[in-house]
Amino acid sequence: GTLASGASVTGTLSPAGADTIGTLTVNGSLTLSGNTRIDINKSGETLTADQIAGTGHVTYGGTLTVVATGDVLAAGDTFALFGKGSYSNGFSSYVMPALPDGLIWDKRYLLENGTISVVSAAATTTPAFSPPAGGYVGEQSVSITSDGATIHYTTDGSDPTTSPTTQSGASPVTGV
């Protein structure tokens, strides 16, 4: 389906309906604060997923629920959930399909290109920052998203690699 203009979703958004894969095109900005349900499927080497596409900005929020069907997922499987546009914030919680032992979901690229991937739990993931690095005037709210990594941070400019300050919780962590 297609939305001719932007939208703010506080209920459940499922691009093609539950248990069906399809694309919802939004011509404008989209703010998600409810439950965003995305269906994914693996059949042999073919990967398919619901997608929210469009030309505007997507502000993540609420819960991202991913439902998988088909063959067992493996490291390297990548699903494009959100199409063209720009992205900000992060989902406050995730309901993801269980993976085989030794694998985890890498959600850090949601802020960069709208994708999620299955990766080895042994692999170190690099945190994703939103907004990206650059010069800004005034205070900025920054989201740091990472799976499988401990993020050390400081607020005084000291070396974060030796900082005992960490924050834990579902990625992204807020209230720092």
C-alpha atoms as a PDB file:
ATOM      1  CA  GLY A   1       0.000   0.000   0.000  1.00  0.00           C
ATOM      2  CA  THR A   2       0.902   3.676  -0.168  1.00  0.00           C
ATOM      3  CA  LEU A   3       0.362   6.611   2.175  1.00  0.00           C
ATOM      4  CA  ALA A   4       0.282   9.870   0.199  1.00  0.00           C
ATOM      5  CA  SER A   5       1.647  11.860   3.129  1.00  0.00           C
ATOM      6  CA  GLY A   6       3.556  11.344   6.365  1.00  0.00           C
ATOM      7  CA  ALA A   7       2.112   9.606   9.398  1.00  0.00           C
ATOM      8  CA  SER A   8       2.513   9.096  13.122  1.00  0.00           C
ATOM      9  CA  VAL A   9       1.746   5.541  14.213  1.00  0.00           C
ATOM     10  CA  THR A  10       0.813   4.850  17.845  1.00  0.00           C
ATOM     11  CA  GLY A  11      -0.902   1.488  17.285  1.00  0.00           C
ATOM     12  CA  THR A  12       0.392  -1.547  15.387  1.00  0.00           C
ATOM     13  CA  LEU A  13       1.929  -1.105  11.950  1.00  0.00           C
ATOM     14  CA  SER A  14       2.375  -4.199   9.772  1.00  0.00           C
ATOM     15  CA  PRO A  15       3.229  -3.305   6.143  1.00  0.00           C
ATOM     16  CA  ALA A  16       1.288  -6.191   4.537  1.00  0.00           C
ATOM     17  CA  GLY A  17      -0.620  -7.589   7.500  1.00  0.00           C
ATOM     18  CA  ALA A  18       0.428 -10.391   9.821  1.00  0.00           C
ATOM     19  CA  ASP A  19       2.097 -13.411   8.199  1.00  0.00           C
ATOM     20  CA  THR A  20       2.265 -11.722   4.787  1.00  0.00           C
ATOM     21  CA  ILE A  21       5.297 -10.006   3.268  1.00  0.00           C
ATOM     22  CA  GLY A  22       4.892  -6.740   1.388  1.00  0.00           C
ATOM     23  CA  THR A  23       5.874  -3.093   1.148  1.00  0.00           C
ATOM     24  CA  LEU A  24       4.245  -0.002   2.594  1.00  0.00           C
ATOM     25  CA  THR A  25       5.358   3.211   0.874  1.00  0.00           C
ATOM     26  CA  VAL A  26       5.112   6.403   2.929  1.00  0.00           C
ATOM     27  CA  ASN A  27       5.534   9.649   0.971  1.00  0.00           C
ATOM     28  CA  GLY A  28       6.599  11.856   3.839  1.00  0.00           C
ATOM     29  CA  SER A  29       7.960  11.568   7.362  1.00  0.00           C
ATOM     30  CA  LEU A  30       6.995   8.623   9.543  1.00  0.00           C
ATOM     31  CA  THR A  31       7.024   8.564  13.350  1.00  0.00           C
ATOM     32  CA  LEU A  32       6.739   5.150  14.988  1.00  0.00           C
ATOM     33  CA  SER A  33       5.733   4.998  18.648  1.00  0.00           C
ATOM     34  CA  GLY A  34       3.566   1.870  18.809  1.00  0.00           C
ATOM     35  CA  ASN A  35       4.360  -1.678  17.701  1.00  0.00           C
ATOM     36  CA  THR A  36       6.008  -2.088  14.298  1.00  0.00           C
ATOM     37  CA  ARG A  37       5.586  -5.707  13.170  1.00  0.00           C
ATOM     38  CA  ILE A  38       7.865  -6.898  10.385  1.00  0.00           C
ATOM     39  CA  ASP A  39       7.613 -10.385   8.854  1.00  0.00           C
ATOM     40  CA  ILE A  40      10.770 -11.972   7.426  1.00  0.00           C
ATOM     41  CA  ASN A  41      11.250 -15.242   5.552  1.00  0.00           C
ATOM     42  CA  LYS A  42      14.155 -17.406   4.454  1.00  0.00           C
ATOM     43  CA  SER A  43      13.649 -20.006   1.735  1.00  0.00           C
ATOM     44  CA  GLY A  44      16.948 -21.584   0.747  1.00  0.00           C
ATOM     45  CA  GLU A  45      19.178 -18.640  -0.164  1.00  0.00           C
ATOM     46  CA  THR A  46      16.231 -16.286  -0.781  1.00  0.00           C
ATOM     47  CA  LEU A  47      15.579 -13.721   1.954  1.00  0.00           C
ATOM     48  CA  THR A  48      12.422 -11.594   1.949  1.00  0.00           C
ATOM     49  CA  ALA A  49      11.011  -9.093   4.417  1.00  0.00           C
ATOM     50  CA  ASP A  50       8.246  -6.598   4.922  1.00  0.00           C
ATOM     51  CA  GLN A  51       9.563  -3.166   4.085  1.00  0.00           C
ATOM     52  CA  ILE A  52       8.539   0.361   4.915  1.00  0.00           C
ATOM     53  CA  ALA A  53       9.758   2.438   1.990  1.00  0.00           C
ATOM     54  CA  GLY A  54       9.418   6.050   0.969  1.00  0.00           C
ATOM     55  CA  THR A  55      11.119   9.373   0.619  1.00  0.00           C
ATOM     56  CA  GLY A  56      10.873  10.881   4.074  1.00  0.00           C
ATOM     57  CA  HIS A  57      12.465  10.667   7.479  1.00  0.00           C
ATOM     58  CA  VAL A  58      11.689   7.777   9.859  1.00  0.00           C
ATOM     59  CA  THR A  59      11.720   8.441  13.606  1.00  0.00           C
ATOM     60  CA  TYR A  60      11.981   5.111  15.399  1.00  0.00           C
ATOM     61  CA  GLY A  61      10.188   4.524  18.688  1.00  0.00           C
ATOM     62  CA  GLY A  62       7.992   1.997  20.425  1.00  0.00           C
ATOM     63  CA  THR A  63       8.591  -1.710  19.827  1.00  0.00           C
ATOM     64  CA  LEU A  64      10.049  -3.428  16.779  1.00  0.00           C
ATOM     65  CA  THR A  65       8.605  -6.952  16.525  1.00  0.00           C
ATOM     66  CA  VAL A  66      10.173  -9.239  13.926  1.00  0.00           C
ATOM     67  CA  VAL A  67       8.477 -12.552  13.074  1.00  0.00           C
ATOM     68  CA  ALA A  68      10.493 -15.134  11.095  1.00  0.00           C
ATOM     69  CA  THR A  69       9.213 -18.018   8.987  1.00  0.00           C
ATOM     70  CA  GLY A  70      10.930 -20.517   6.722  1.00  0.00           C
ATOM     71  CA  ASP A  71      14.406 -21.989   6.984  1.00  0.00           C
ATOM     72  CA  VAL A  72      16.779 -21.557   9.934  1.00  0.00           C
ATOM     73  CA  LEU A  73      18.530 -18.195   9.887  1.00  0.00           C
ATOM     74  CA  ALA A  74      22.334 -18.099   9.611  1.00  0.00           C
ATOM     75  CA  ALA A  75      25.180 -15.628  10.059  1.00  0.00           C
ATOM     76  CA  GLY A  76      25.194 -13.154   7.195  1.00  0.00           C
ATOM     77  CA  ASP A  77      21.420 -13.143   6.637  1.00  0.00           C
ATOM     78  CA  THR A  78      20.468  -9.464   6.220  1.00  0.00           C
ATOM     79  CA  PHE A  79      16.991  -8.003   5.893  1.00  0.00           C
ATOM     80  CA  ALA A  80      16.142  -4.487   4.630  1.00  0.00           C
ATOM     81  CA  LEU A  81      13.192  -3.357   6.777  1.00  0.00           C
ATOM     82  CA  PHE A  82      13.173   0.352   6.007  1.00  0.00           C
ATOM     83  CA  GLY A  83      13.820   1.775   2.552  1.00  0.00           C
ATOM     84  CA  LYS A  84      14.991   5.143   1.288  1.00  0.00           C
ATOM     85  CA  GLY A  85      15.114   8.075   3.640  1.00  0.00           C
ATOM     86  CA  SER A  86      16.872   9.059   6.832  1.00  0.00           C
ATOM     87  CA  TYR A  87      16.502   7.631  10.327  1.00  0.00           C
ATOM     88  CA  SER A  88      16.711   8.852  13.924  1.00  0.00           C
ATOM     89  CA  ASN A  89      16.159   7.773  17.524  1.00  0.00           C
ATOM     90  CA  GLY A  90      15.798   4.084  18.287  1.00  0.00           C
ATOM     91  CA  PHE A  91      13.148   1.586  19.190  1.00  0.00           C
ATOM     92  CA  SER A  92      12.578   1.402  22.945  1.00  0.00           C
ATOM     93  CA  SER A  93      12.278  -2.389  22.828  1.00  0.00           C
ATOM     94  CA  TYR A  94      12.721  -5.297  20.447  1.00  0.00           C
ATOM     95  CA  VAL A  95      10.924  -8.635  20.081  1.00  0.00           C
ATOM     96  CA  MET A  96      13.193 -10.657  17.816  1.00  0.00           C
ATOM     97  CA  PRO A  97      13.041 -14.280  16.613  1.00  0.00           C
ATOM     98  CA  ALA A  98      15.182 -16.780  18.479  1.00  0.00           C
ATOM     99  CA  LEU A  99      18.433 -17.656  16.721  1.00  0.00           C
ATOM    100  CA  PRO A 100      20.623 -20.766  16.823  1.00  0.00           C
ATOM    101  CA  ASP A 101      23.309 -20.852  19.531  1.00  0.00           C
ATOM    102  CA  GLY A 102      26.239 -18.552  18.840  1.00  0.00           C
ATOM    103  CA  LEU A 103      24.242 -16.050  16.762  1.00  0.00           C
ATOM    104  CA  ILE A 104      22.764 -12.658  17.662  1.00  0.00           C
ATOM    105  CA  TRP A 105      20.759  -9.938  15.938  1.00  0.00           C
ATOM    106  CA  ASP A 106      22.778  -6.917  14.767  1.00  0.00           C
ATOM    107  CA  LYS A 107      20.378  -3.957  14.807  1.00  0.00           C
ATOM    108  CA  ARG A 108      22.942  -1.142  14.632  1.00  0.00           C
ATOM    109  CA  TYR A 109      22.388  -0.480  10.931  1.00  0.00           C
ATOM    110  CA  LEU A 110      18.736   0.445  11.440  1.00  0.00           C
ATOM    111  CA  LEU A 111      19.964   4.012  11.963  1.00  0.00           C
ATOM    112  CA  GLU A 112      22.192   3.918   8.890  1.00  0.00           C
ATOM    113  CA  ASN A 113      20.387   1.972   6.173  1.00  0.00           C
ATOM    114  CA  GLY A 114      17.294   0.390   7.767  1.00  0.00           C
ATOM    115  CA  THR A 115      18.632  -3.185   7.951  1.00  0.00           C
ATOM    116  CA  ILE A 116      19.005  -5.936  10.539  1.00  0.00           C
ATOM    117  CA  SER A 117      21.441  -8.849  10.238  1.00  0.00           C
ATOM    118  CA  VAL A 118      22.257 -12.158  11.844  1.00  0.00           C
ATOM    119  CA  VAL A 119      25.876 -12.217  13.070  1.00  0.00           C
ATOM    120  CA  SER A 120      28.131 -14.420  15.130  1.00  0.00           C
ATOM    121  CA  ALA A 121      27.938 -13.628  18.839  1.00  0.00           C
ATOM    122  CA  ALA A 122      31.742 -13.825  18.898  1.00  0.00           C
ATOM    123  CA  ALA A 123      32.024 -10.901  16.462  1.00  0.00           C
ATOM    124  CA  THR A 124      32.537  -7.507  18.036  1.00  0.00           C
ATOM    125  CA  THR A 125      29.992  -4.989  16.853  1.00  0.00           C
ATOM    126  CA  THR A 126      30.763  -1.325  16.372  1.00  0.00           C
ATOM    127  CA  PRO A 127      28.204   0.992  17.952  1.00  0.00           C
ATOM    128  CA  ALA A 128      26.055   3.124  15.634  1.00  0.00           C
ATOM    129  CA  PHE A 129      25.572   6.784  16.518  1.00  0.00           C
ATOM    130  CA  SER A 130      22.613   9.005  15.648  1.00  0.00           C
ATOM    131  CA  PRO A 131      23.104  11.762  14.676  1.00  0.00           C
ATOM    132  CA  PRO A 132      26.363  10.845  12.907  1.00  0.00           C
ATOM    133  CA  ALA A 133      29.684  12.455  13.782  1.00  0.00           C
ATOM    134  CA  GLY A 134      29.944  16.112  12.826  1.00  0.00           C
ATOM    135  CA  GLY A 135      29.820  19.667  14.063  1.00  0.00           C
ATOM    136  CA  TYR A 136      26.629  20.740  15.811  1.00  0.00           C
ATOM    137  CA  VAL A 137      25.533  23.963  17.475  1.00  0.00           C
ATOM    138  CA  GLY A 138      23.925  23.594  20.905  1.00  0.00           C
ATOM    139  CA  GLU A 139      22.956  20.493  22.821  1.00  0.00           C
ATOM    140  CA  GLN A 140      22.228  17.302  20.873  1.00  0.00           C
ATOM    141  CA  SER A 141      20.422  14.145  21.879  1.00  0.00           C
ATOM    142  CA  VAL A 142      22.568  11.188  20.834  1.00  0.00           C
ATOM    143  CA  SER A 143      21.459   7.573  20.439  1.00  0.00           C
ATOM    144  CA  ILE A 144      24.120   4.862  20.627  1.00  0.00           C
ATOM    145  CA  THR A 145      22.970   1.436  19.452  1.00  0.00           C
ATOM    146  CA  SER A 146      25.027  -1.736  19.824  1.00  0.00           C
ATOM    147  CA  ASP A 147      24.503  -5.454  20.187  1.00  0.00           C
ATOM    148  CA  GLY A 148      26.967  -7.593  22.069  1.00  0.00           C
ATOM    149  CA  ALA A 149      29.211  -4.712  23.150  1.00  0.00           C
ATOM    150  CA  THR A 150      29.728  -2.765  26.345  1.00  0.00           C
ATOM    151  CA  ILE A 151      29.767   0.959  25.746  1.00  0.00           C
ATOM    152  CA  HIS A 152      32.047   3.020  27.984  1.00  0.00           C
ATOM    153  CA  TYR A 153      31.342   6.737  27.995  1.00  0.00           C
ATOM    154  CA  THR A 154      32.279   9.975  29.690  1.00  0.00           C
ATOM    155  CA  THR A 155      30.609  13.347  29.900  1.00  0.00           C
ATOM    156  CA  ASP A 156      33.754  15.297  30.827  1.00  0.00           C
ATOM    157  CA  GLY A 157      36.025  14.584  27.858  1.00  0.00           C
ATOM    158  CA  SER A 158      38.220  12.048  29.667  1.00  0.00           C
ATOM    159  CA  ASP A 159      39.335   8.799  27.989  1.00  0.00           C
ATOM    160  CA  PRO A 160      36.286   6.492  27.788  1.00  0.00           C
ATOM    161  CA  THR A 161      38.444   3.374  27.340  1.00  0.00           C
ATOM    162  CA  THR A 162      39.472   3.627  30.988  1.00  0.00           C
ATOM    163  CA  SER A 163      36.155   4.915  32.283  1.00  0.00           C
ATOM    164  CA  PRO A 164      34.343   2.691  34.767  1.00  0.00           C
ATOM    165  CA  THR A 165      31.067   4.319  33.686  1.00  0.00           C
ATOM    166  CA  THR A 166      28.837   2.008  31.661  1.00  0.00           C
ATOM    167  CA  GLN A 167      25.139   1.860  30.972  1.00  0.00           C
ATOM    168  CA  SER A 168      23.290  -1.381  30.382  1.00  0.00           C
ATOM    169  CA  GLY A 169      19.882  -2.332  29.126  1.00  0.00           C
ATOM    170  CA  ALA A 170      18.060  -2.977  25.895  1.00  0.00           C
ATOM    171  CA  SER A 171      19.730  -1.112  23.051  1.00  0.00           C
ATOM    172  CA  PRO A 172      19.412   1.825  22.702  1.00  0.00           C
ATOM    173  CA  VAL A 173      19.900   2.926  26.295  1.00  0.00           C
ATOM    174  CA  THR A 174      18.314   6.245  27.231  1.00  0.00           C
ATOM    175  CA  GLY A 175      18.615   8.608  30.158  1.00  0.00           C
ATOM    176  CA  VAL A 176      22.389   8.957  30.176  1.00  0.00           C
END
